[in-house]
Protein backbone atom coordinates (compact mmCIF):
# COMPACT_ATOMS: atom_id res chain seq x y z
CA MET A 1 0.00 0.00 0.00
CA ARG A 2 2.78 2.39 0.92
CA LEU A 3 4.70 1.55 -2.26
CA ALA A 4 1.59 2.17 -4.32
CA THR A 5 1.06 5.54 -2.66
CA ILE A 6 4.66 6.54 -3.28
CA ALA A 7 4.43 5.43 -6.90
CA PHE A 8 1.22 7.38 -7.41
CA VAL A 9 2.70 10.54 -5.88
CA SER A 10 5.84 10.16 -7.97
CA LEU A 11 3.82 9.84 -11.18
CA ALA A 12 1.80 12.91 -10.23
CA ALA A 13 5.02 14.79 -9.55
CA VAL A 14 6.43 13.79 -12.93
CA SER A 15 3.29 15.03 -14.67
CA LEU A 16 3.35 18.26 -12.67
CA ALA A 17 7.01 18.90 -13.38
CA GLY A 18 6.39 18.48 -17.08
CA CYS A 19 3.83 21.29 -17.00
CA VAL A 20 6.10 23.94 -15.44
CA THR A 21 7.32 25.36 -18.73
CA PRO A 22 7.56 29.16 -18.68
CA ARG A 23 5.98 31.27 -21.39
CA LYS A 24 8.32 32.22 -24.20
CA PRO A 25 8.97 35.98 -24.07
CA ASP A 26 7.83 38.14 -26.97
CA LEU A 27 11.02 39.82 -28.24
CA ALA A 28 9.70 41.05 -31.59
CA LEU A 29 11.36 44.30 -32.70
CA PRO A 30 11.26 46.33 -35.92
CA ALA A 31 13.90 45.45 -38.49
CA ALA A 32 15.36 48.96 -38.38
CA TYR A 33 15.09 52.29 -36.56
CA GLU A 34 12.87 54.99 -38.01
CA ALA A 35 15.69 57.49 -37.68
CA PRO A 36 18.58 58.60 -39.90
CA VAL A 37 21.70 56.74 -38.84
CA ALA A 38 25.19 57.68 -39.92
CA PRO A 39 27.20 55.08 -41.85
CA PRO A 40 29.19 52.76 -39.60
CA GLY A 41 32.57 54.18 -38.66
CA ALA A 42 35.58 53.05 -36.70
CA ILE A 43 33.90 53.76 -33.36
CA ALA A 44 34.40 51.17 -30.64
CA LEU A 45 31.04 51.22 -28.88
CA ASP A 46 32.58 49.58 -25.81
CA THR A 47 34.72 52.71 -25.33
CA TRP A 48 32.59 55.26 -27.13
CA TRP A 49 33.97 58.20 -25.13
CA THR A 50 37.27 57.95 -27.03
CA ALA A 51 35.40 58.87 -30.25
CA TYR A 52 35.19 62.50 -29.06
CA ASP A 53 38.98 62.79 -29.31
CA ASP A 54 39.03 64.53 -25.92
CA PRO A 55 41.92 63.33 -23.69
CA GLU A 56 40.47 65.06 -20.62
CA LEU A 57 37.11 63.32 -21.10
CA THR A 58 38.82 59.94 -21.54
CA THR A 59 40.81 60.47 -18.35
CA LEU A 60 37.73 61.49 -16.37
CA VAL A 61 35.71 58.48 -17.56
CA GLU A 62 38.53 56.06 -16.75
CA GLN A 63 38.89 57.58 -13.29
CA ALA A 64 35.14 57.36 -12.71
CA LEU A 65 35.04 53.69 -13.74
CA ALA A 66 37.84 52.95 -11.26
CA ARG A 67 36.90 55.17 -8.32
CA ASN A 68 33.22 56.10 -8.40
CA VAL A 69 31.33 54.95 -5.30
CA ASP A 70 28.37 53.62 -7.29
CA VAL A 71 30.67 51.47 -9.40
CA ARG A 72 32.49 50.19 -6.32
CA THR A 73 29.18 49.43 -4.62
CA ALA A 74 28.03 47.43 -7.65
CA LYS A 75 31.36 45.57 -7.63
CA SER A 76 30.93 44.70 -3.94
CA ARG A 77 27.43 43.41 -4.69
CA LEU A 78 28.91 41.22 -7.42
CA ASP A 79 31.51 39.84 -5.00
CA GLU A 80 28.72 39.09 -2.53
CA VAL A 81 26.68 37.18 -5.10
CA LYS A 82 29.73 35.20 -6.18
CA ALA A 83 30.17 34.06 -2.58
CA GLN A 84 26.47 33.23 -2.34
CA LYS A 85 26.71 31.25 -5.56
CA LEU A 86 29.55 29.16 -4.13
CA SER A 87 27.49 28.52 -1.00
CA ALA A 88 24.51 27.47 -3.15
CA ILE A 89 26.66 25.01 -5.10
CA LEU A 90 28.31 23.54 -2.01
CA GLN A 91 24.95 22.59 -0.50
CA TYR A 92 24.64 19.85 -3.11
CA LEU A 93 27.95 18.28 -2.05
CA PRO A 94 28.43 15.92 0.91
CA THR A 95 28.25 17.57 4.32
CA GLY A 96 29.60 16.31 7.59
CA ASN A 97 31.41 17.30 10.77
CA ALA A 98 33.99 15.59 12.91
CA VAL A 99 33.01 15.51 16.58
CA LEU A 100 35.53 14.73 19.33
CA THR A 101 34.46 14.44 22.97
CA GLY A 102 36.30 13.65 26.17
CA ARG A 103 35.36 13.36 29.82
CA LYS A 104 37.27 12.65 33.03
CA THR A 105 35.35 11.76 36.20
CA GLU A 106 36.71 11.47 39.75
CA THR A 107 34.42 9.36 42.01
CA GLU A 108 34.84 9.01 45.81
CA GLN A 109 32.61 6.53 47.68
CA LEU A 110 31.50 7.90 51.06
CA SER A 111 29.66 4.85 52.45
CA GLY A 112 28.43 1.43 51.53
CA THR A 113 30.21 -1.48 49.99
CA LEU A 114 33.10 -0.71 47.69
CA ALA A 115 32.73 -2.35 44.30
CA ASN A 116 35.54 -2.65 41.82
CA ILE A 117 34.86 -5.06 38.99
CA PRO A 118 35.83 -4.77 35.33
CA GLY A 119 33.53 -2.25 33.73
CA PHE A 120 32.11 -0.94 36.99
CA SER A 121 33.69 0.85 39.93
CA THR A 122 32.11 2.89 42.70
CA SER A 123 35.29 4.82 43.42
CA GLY A 124 38.27 6.10 41.45
CA THR A 125 38.99 7.92 38.24
CA SER A 126 37.31 7.12 34.94
CA GLU A 127 37.93 8.55 31.50
CA SER A 128 35.96 8.36 28.26
CA TYR A 129 36.83 9.57 24.78
CA SER A 130 34.99 9.33 21.48
CA GLY A 131 35.24 10.60 17.96
CA ASN A 132 32.67 10.50 15.16
CA PHE A 133 32.61 11.60 11.55
CA ASN A 134 29.17 11.35 10.00
CA VAL A 135 28.45 12.37 6.41
CA SER A 136 25.14 13.24 4.78
CA TRP A 137 24.76 13.48 1.02
CA GLU A 138 21.50 14.03 -0.79
CA LEU A 139 21.83 12.25 -4.11
CA ASP A 140 19.73 14.40 -6.43
CA PRO A 141 21.44 15.39 -9.70
CA LEU A 142 18.27 17.02 -11.05
CA ARG A 143 17.93 19.39 -8.10
CA ALA A 144 21.67 20.06 -8.16
CA THR A 145 21.61 20.92 -11.86
CA ALA A 146 18.61 23.24 -11.52
CA GLY A 147 20.06 24.89 -8.41
CA ILE A 148 23.46 25.48 -10.00
CA ARG A 149 21.88 26.91 -13.14
CA SER A 150 19.78 29.27 -11.06
CA ALA A 151 22.83 30.37 -9.05
CA ASN A 152 24.84 30.93 -12.24
CA ALA A 153 22.02 32.99 -13.72
CA GLU A 154 21.75 35.09 -10.57
CA GLU A 155 25.47 35.79 -10.64
CA ALA A 156 25.27 36.71 -14.34
CA ALA A 157 22.35 39.07 -13.63
CA VAL A 158 24.33 40.90 -10.96
CA ARG A 159 27.37 40.99 -13.23
CA PHE A 160 25.28 42.70 -15.91
CA ALA A 161 23.93 45.08 -13.26
CA TYR A 162 27.54 45.93 -12.46
CA GLU A 163 28.23 46.60 -16.14
CA ALA A 164 25.05 48.68 -16.38
CA ALA A 165 26.29 50.77 -13.45
CA ARG A 166 29.64 51.28 -15.20
CA ALA A 167 27.91 52.28 -18.45
CA SER A 168 25.65 54.68 -16.58
CA ILE A 169 28.55 56.33 -14.73
CA ALA A 170 30.54 56.69 -17.97
CA ALA A 171 27.57 58.39 -19.64
CA GLN A 172 26.90 60.56 -16.60
CA THR A 173 30.55 61.66 -16.48
CA ALA A 174 30.56 62.57 -20.18
CA ASP A 175 27.23 64.37 -19.86
CA THR A 176 28.46 66.39 -16.87
CA TRP A 177 31.70 67.21 -18.71
CA PHE A 178 29.84 68.55 -21.75
CA GLN A 179 27.57 70.60 -19.51
CA ALA A 180 30.67 72.12 -17.93
CA ARG A 181 32.07 72.97 -21.35
CA GLY A 182 28.73 74.52 -22.28
CA LEU A 183 28.86 76.66 -19.15
CA SER A 184 32.39 77.69 -20.09
CA ILE A 185 31.11 78.82 -23.48
CA GLN A 186 28.24 80.71 -21.87
CA LEU A 187 30.67 82.33 -19.45
CA ALA A 188 32.97 83.37 -22.29
CA GLU A 189 29.99 84.76 -24.20
CA ALA A 190 28.74 86.63 -21.13
CA GLN A 191 32.20 88.12 -20.66
CA GLU A 192 32.22 89.09 -24.35
CA THR A 193 28.78 90.65 -23.94
CA ALA A 194 30.04 92.66 -20.97
CA ARG A 195 33.02 93.80 -23.05
CA ILE A 196 30.73 94.86 -25.92
CA GLN A 197 28.43 96.69 -23.53
CA THR A 198 31.40 98.45 -21.99
CA GLN A 199 32.58 99.48 -25.47
CA LEU A 200 29.11 100.78 -26.35
CA TYR A 201 28.93 102.61 -23.04
CA ASP A 202 32.22 104.37 -23.74
CA ILE A 203 31.04 105.38 -27.23
CA ALA A 204 27.70 106.62 -25.91
CA SER A 205 29.41 108.60 -23.14
CA LYS A 206 31.71 110.30 -25.63
CA ARG A 207 28.84 111.09 -27.99
CA ALA A 208 26.76 112.50 -25.14
CA ALA A 209 29.71 114.58 -23.91
CA VAL A 210 30.06 116.38 -27.27
CA GLY A 211 26.31 116.72 -27.72
CA LEU A 212 25.91 114.16 -30.48
CA ALA A 213 23.61 111.94 -28.40
CA ALA A 214 21.20 112.24 -25.53
CA THR A 215 22.66 111.98 -22.04
CA THR A 216 20.26 109.12 -21.32
CA GLU A 217 21.90 106.79 -23.82
CA PRO A 218 24.83 105.83 -21.50
CA ASP A 219 22.29 105.06 -18.77
CA ARG A 220 20.38 102.72 -21.09
CA ILE A 221 23.56 100.85 -21.90
CA ALA A 222 24.59 100.79 -18.23
CA GLY A 223 21.52 98.70 -17.43
CA ASP A 224 22.48 96.08 -20.03
CA LEU A 225 26.08 96.16 -18.81
CA ALA A 226 24.98 95.47 -15.23
CA GLN A 227 22.92 92.50 -16.42
CA ALA A 228 25.88 91.12 -18.37
CA GLN A 229 28.19 91.45 -15.36
CA ALA A 230 25.61 89.76 -13.12
CA GLN A 231 25.31 86.94 -15.67
CA VAL A 232 29.10 86.49 -15.56
CA ALA A 233 29.01 86.11 -11.76
CA ALA A 234 26.15 83.59 -11.92
CA LEU A 235 27.84 81.48 -14.62
CA GLU A 236 31.12 81.44 -12.71
CA ALA A 237 29.28 79.95 -9.72
CA GLN A 238 27.42 77.40 -11.89
CA LEU A 239 30.66 76.33 -13.56
CA GLN A 240 32.35 75.82 -10.20
CA VAL A 241 29.44 73.66 -9.01
CA GLN A 242 29.60 71.63 -12.23
CA LYS A 243 33.34 71.09 -11.83
CA ARG A 244 32.80 69.77 -8.31
CA ALA A 245 30.19 67.34 -9.66
CA ILE A 246 32.77 66.08 -12.18
CA LEU A 247 35.36 65.59 -9.45
CA ILE A 248 32.89 63.62 -7.31
CA LEU A 249 31.96 61.39 -10.24
CA ALA A 250 35.65 60.77 -10.94
CA GLY A 251 36.36 59.94 -7.28
CA ARG A 252 38.54 63.04 -6.83
CA VAL A 253 36.59 64.67 -4.02
CA VAL A 254 39.58 66.36 -2.36
CA ASP A 255 40.91 67.94 -5.56
CA PRO A 256 40.24 71.67 -6.07
CA THR A 257 37.83 72.70 -8.80
CA SER A 258 40.69 74.55 -10.46
CA SER A 259 42.13 71.14 -11.43
CA ILE A 260 39.28 70.81 -13.96
CA VAL A 261 39.85 72.94 -17.04
CA ALA A 262 36.78 72.95 -19.26
CA PRO A 263 37.65 74.74 -22.54
CA PRO A 264 34.98 77.16 -23.84
CA ASN A 265 34.29 75.24 -27.02
CA VAL A 266 32.54 72.10 -28.17
CA GLY A 267 33.23 69.82 -31.06
CA GLN A 268 30.88 68.01 -33.33
CA ALA A 269 29.19 64.86 -32.07
CA PRO A 270 30.80 61.81 -33.70
CA ALA A 271 28.82 59.39 -35.82
CA VAL A 272 26.77 56.64 -34.21
CA PRO A 273 27.42 53.04 -35.30
CA ASN A 274 24.79 51.67 -37.65
CA LEU A 275 23.19 49.00 -35.47
CA ILE A 276 19.85 47.26 -35.81
CA PRO A 277 17.29 46.95 -32.99
CA SER A 278 17.94 43.23 -32.46
CA ASP A 279 21.53 44.08 -31.47
CA LEU A 280 20.10 45.47 -28.23
CA LEU A 281 19.55 41.89 -27.02
CA GLN A 282 23.33 41.46 -26.90
CA ARG A 283 24.51 45.06 -26.44
CA ARG A 284 22.39 46.37 -23.57
CA PRO A 285 23.53 45.15 -20.13
CA ASP A 286 20.12 45.88 -18.59
CA VAL A 287 18.46 43.65 -21.20
CA ARG A 288 20.99 40.91 -20.52
CA GLN A 289 20.34 41.35 -16.81
CA ALA A 290 16.59 40.85 -17.32
CA GLN A 291 17.36 37.76 -19.40
CA GLN A 292 19.44 36.25 -16.61
CA ARG A 293 16.81 37.15 -14.02
CA LEU A 294 14.39 35.12 -16.10
CA ARG A 295 16.77 32.15 -16.17
CA SER A 296 17.21 32.37 -12.43
CA ALA A 297 13.43 32.43 -11.93
CA VAL A 298 13.03 29.41 -14.22
CA GLY A 299 15.63 27.54 -12.15
CA GLN A 300 13.75 28.34 -8.94
CA GLN A 301 10.52 27.17 -10.55
CA GLN A 302 12.16 23.90 -11.55
CA LEU A 303 13.42 23.41 -8.00
CA ALA A 304 9.89 23.96 -6.70
CA ALA A 305 8.61 21.31 -9.13
CA LEU A 306 11.35 18.85 -8.22
CA ALA A 307 10.38 19.15 -4.54
CA PHE A 308 7.50 16.74 -5.29
CA PHE A 309 9.94 13.96 -6.19
CA PRO A 310 11.46 11.59 -3.63
CA SER A 311 14.80 12.60 -2.18
CA PHE A 312 17.57 10.10 -1.50
CA THR A 313 20.08 10.67 1.28
CA LEU A 314 23.26 8.65 1.81
CA SER A 315 24.65 8.65 5.38
CA PRO A 316 28.03 6.95 5.88
CA GLY A 317 29.95 7.42 9.12
CA LEU A 318 33.04 6.50 11.16
CA GLY A 319 33.38 6.28 14.94
CA TRP A 320 35.92 5.61 17.67
CA SER A 321 35.58 5.42 21.46
CA LYS A 322 37.81 4.66 24.45
CA ILE A 323 36.87 4.08 28.12
CA VAL A 324 39.39 3.90 30.98
CA GLN A 325 38.28 2.91 34.49
CA PRO A 326 39.99 1.29 37.49
CA SER A 327 40.93 -2.24 36.47
CA PHE A 328 39.10 -1.81 33.14
CA GLU A 329 39.94 -0.32 29.73
CA SER A 330 38.10 -0.59 26.41
CA GLU A 331 38.73 0.87 22.95
CA THR A 332 36.39 0.38 19.97
CA GLN A 333 35.97 1.62 16.46
CA ASN A 334 33.03 1.38 14.07
CA TRP A 335 31.81 2.35 10.65
CA SER A 336 28.31 2.59 9.29
CA ILE A 337 26.51 3.25 6.06
CA GLY A 338 22.86 3.99 5.63
CA GLY A 339 20.38 5.80 3.51
CA SER A 340 16.89 7.14 3.48
CA VAL A 341 14.16 7.99 1.00
CA THR A 342 11.84 10.90 1.69
CA GLN A 343 8.63 11.30 -0.26
CA PRO A 344 6.47 14.38 0.47
CA ILE A 345 2.88 13.45 1.30
CA LEU A 346 1.16 15.81 3.70
CA SER A 347 3.37 18.70 2.61
CA ILE A 348 2.09 18.54 -0.97
CA PRO A 349 -0.44 21.41 -0.49
CA ARG A 350 2.38 23.64 0.78
CA LEU A 351 4.61 22.57 -2.11
CA LEU A 352 1.82 23.33 -4.58
CA ALA A 353 1.43 26.81 -3.14
CA ASP A 354 5.21 27.33 -3.38
CA LEU A 355 5.20 26.13 -7.00
CA LYS A 356 2.39 28.56 -7.88
CA THR A 357 4.39 31.35 -6.27
CA LYS A 358 7.52 30.47 -8.24
CA SER A 359 5.48 30.19 -11.44
CA ALA A 360 4.01 33.66 -10.88
CA ARG A 361 7.51 35.05 -10.29
CA THR A 362 8.69 33.42 -13.50
CA GLU A 363 5.84 35.08 -15.41
CA GLN A 364 6.86 38.39 -13.84
CA ALA A 365 10.44 37.79 -15.00
CA VAL A 366 9.21 37.05 -18.53
CA THR A 367 7.23 40.29 -18.55
CA ALA A 368 10.17 42.24 -17.10
CA TYR A 369 12.39 40.85 -19.87
CA GLU A 370 9.89 41.93 -22.51
CA LYS A 371 9.63 45.38 -20.95
CA ALA A 372 13.42 45.75 -20.82
CA VAL A 373 13.66 44.97 -24.54
CA GLN A 374 10.84 47.37 -25.43
CA THR A 375 12.29 50.12 -23.23
CA ALA A 376 15.72 49.65 -24.80
CA PHE A 377 14.25 50.01 -28.29
CA GLN A 378 12.22 53.08 -27.31
CA GLU A 379 15.23 54.79 -25.73
CA SER A 380 17.48 53.96 -28.67
CA GLU A 381 15.14 55.20 -31.35
CA ALA A 382 14.25 58.34 -29.37
CA ALA A 383 17.95 59.16 -28.86
CA LEU A 384 18.70 58.67 -32.57
CA VAL A 385 15.73 60.77 -33.71
CA ASN A 386 16.54 63.59 -31.30
CA LEU A 387 20.24 63.46 -32.16
CA ASP A 388 19.45 63.93 -35.86
CA ALA A 389 17.18 66.86 -35.02
CA ASP A 390 19.87 68.43 -32.83
CA ARG A 391 22.44 68.17 -35.61
CA ARG A 392 20.11 69.86 -38.08
CA ARG A 393 19.36 72.54 -35.49
CA VAL A 394 23.07 73.22 -35.00
CA THR A 395 23.54 73.61 -38.76
CA LEU A 396 20.71 76.13 -39.03
CA LEU A 397 21.77 78.13 -35.96
CA THR A 398 25.40 78.23 -37.10
CA ASP A 399 24.37 80.04 -40.27
CA GLY A 400 22.01 82.29 -38.31
CA GLU A 401 24.73 83.24 -35.83
CA VAL A 402 27.09 84.28 -38.63
CA ARG A 403 24.41 86.53 -40.13
CA ALA A 404 23.41 88.01 -36.75
CA ALA A 405 27.04 88.77 -35.92
CA ARG A 406 27.50 90.49 -39.29
CA ALA A 407 24.39 92.56 -38.72
CA TYR A 408 25.52 93.68 -35.28
CA LYS A 409 29.01 94.65 -36.40
CA ALA A 410 27.57 96.75 -39.20
CA SER A 411 25.15 98.43 -36.78
CA ALA A 412 27.89 99.07 -34.20
CA THR A 413 30.12 100.64 -36.85
CA GLY A 414 27.24 102.85 -37.97
CA TYR A 415 26.51 103.93 -34.40
CA ALA A 416 30.15 104.86 -33.80
CA ARG A 417 30.00 107.02 -36.95
CA GLY A 418 26.65 108.52 -36.08
CA LEU A 419 24.82 106.75 -38.86
CA THR A 420 22.72 104.39 -36.70
CA ASP A 421 20.71 105.13 -33.59
CA LEU A 422 21.28 103.39 -30.25
CA SER A 423 18.04 101.40 -30.25
CA THR A 424 18.87 99.78 -33.58
CA THR A 425 22.37 98.91 -32.37
CA LEU A 426 21.15 97.45 -29.07
CA SER A 427 18.45 95.46 -30.88
CA ALA A 428 21.06 93.99 -33.25
CA GLU A 429 23.31 93.12 -30.32
CA ARG A 430 20.47 91.41 -28.46
CA SER A 431 19.49 89.43 -31.55
CA TRP A 432 23.06 88.28 -32.03
CA ARG A 433 23.32 87.35 -28.37
CA ALA A 434 20.06 85.36 -28.51
CA VAL A 435 21.10 83.38 -31.60
CA ARG A 436 24.54 82.79 -30.10
CA ALA A 437 22.97 81.44 -26.88
CA GLN A 438 20.68 79.15 -28.87
CA LEU A 439 23.61 77.86 -30.90
CA THR A 440 25.63 77.08 -27.77
CA ALA A 441 22.67 75.30 -26.21
CA ALA A 442 22.10 73.31 -29.40
CA GLN A 443 25.77 72.31 -29.67
CA VAL A 444 25.88 71.14 -26.06
CA GLN A 445 22.53 69.39 -26.44
CA ALA A 446 23.80 67.54 -29.53
CA LEU A 447 26.83 66.28 -27.61
CA ARG A 448 24.71 65.23 -24.65
CA ARG A 449 22.26 63.55 -27.01
CA SER A 450 25.09 61.60 -28.62
CA VAL A 451 26.05 60.35 -25.17
CA GLN A 452 22.46 59.23 -24.65
CA ALA A 453 22.52 57.48 -28.03
CA TYR A 454 25.73 55.57 -27.24
CA LYS A 455 24.38 54.50 -23.86
CA ALA A 456 20.98 53.57 -25.33
CA LEU A 457 22.61 51.42 -28.02
CA GLY A 458 24.45 49.46 -25.34
CA GLY A 459 27.82 51.18 -25.26
CA GLY A 460 30.25 51.24 -22.37
CA TRP A 461 30.86 47.60 -21.56
CA ALA A 462 32.77 44.78 -23.22
CA SER A 463 29.79 42.77 -24.47
CA GLN A 464 31.83 40.70 -26.92
CA SER A 465 34.03 39.29 -24.16
CA TYR A 466 30.91 38.19 -22.27
CA ALA A 467 29.51 36.60 -25.40
CA LYS A 468 32.72 34.60 -25.81
CA ALA A 469 32.68 33.64 -22.14
CA ARG A 470 29.21 32.13 -22.57
């Protein structure tokens, strides 16, 4: 009867285990991005920051990858999971402890008849020693395989989280660096505006002194000059704050902000490699992390299903003992081997509930994987579309800035010669300043957008080396 029950439960467990197959994730993506993409160049996406040909940026990113606290925290988390993985693997190996005991007893008989026969004495000193080494080994290759796969997947997921942290810090460092350079440009332009306003103020003062202009004209210019000087002070403070942010990202907290020299110019954003959306499945560390989370969840689901099967435990052991008493001494040794079979019966409802829980978590992991892929595609296409728009905006504003500058210079020359009134000159200067500010913002935005594009496409980590390692 018992054998029949065990057989029935085993067959039910086999049928149940065969049904725990997770849903295949939907990873369908468009064949191409709906955005203009530059032809593929010689850009190494793993180290995309070198494509800007900026030694200072390369140094800052390398320092951030080595010293940043977020990167070091992610690395510590990876070390922790590696240790946990080893512990998870070792639980499927034989376990056992050696136990040594010893006791010495001094007995003194106070009354009654003294007895002293071999093996029994009512008075004297007795000693006992023993040693045992018992081993327990659960022979279950299916559980061991599923458990090890789950542990490997969990380690891989954390490893990809570490790489995602590195990619994020690299992008954040580059973004902060380009913002600092943009502030340097704005500061230089504000200083140039203050110089122009000072020049106009001097001209207006001279014209008013000889009666060629109203005495109120210098006052009108003085207001603009004060605004320009106030803007210089504000930008100097913002640039200092931005430099400190760069130093913190690079792990150089104690360095002075003067150690960061952000030149007041920006280059052109380099081309983006011509990748297809399906490359995100291999390039993006967050997508790979979601994939490994799914594998880990599947392993846990398989373990929950295998819990319905019988478990076999082998228990060999060795022992030794020694007893010393008055007129008696004995020393023995022994060995044993045994085993047991455990078949869940009354715990099946609990195991079913656990299996349903693991199955639900697996479905969540499948959905999270799908969402990671969709999010990666959305971010990539959005970055590429916006980058193309930013480049076209820079081209248009560059031409507009040249024309506005030419118009102002002509107006300023006319004002100095008395051919143009002050309002026309100030209006031309403000127009030039506005176009110049828009151009600077567009240039910085294009660089920052290129950083977003590289990060969105999966740049900043050595994905090929991980592919080979698999």
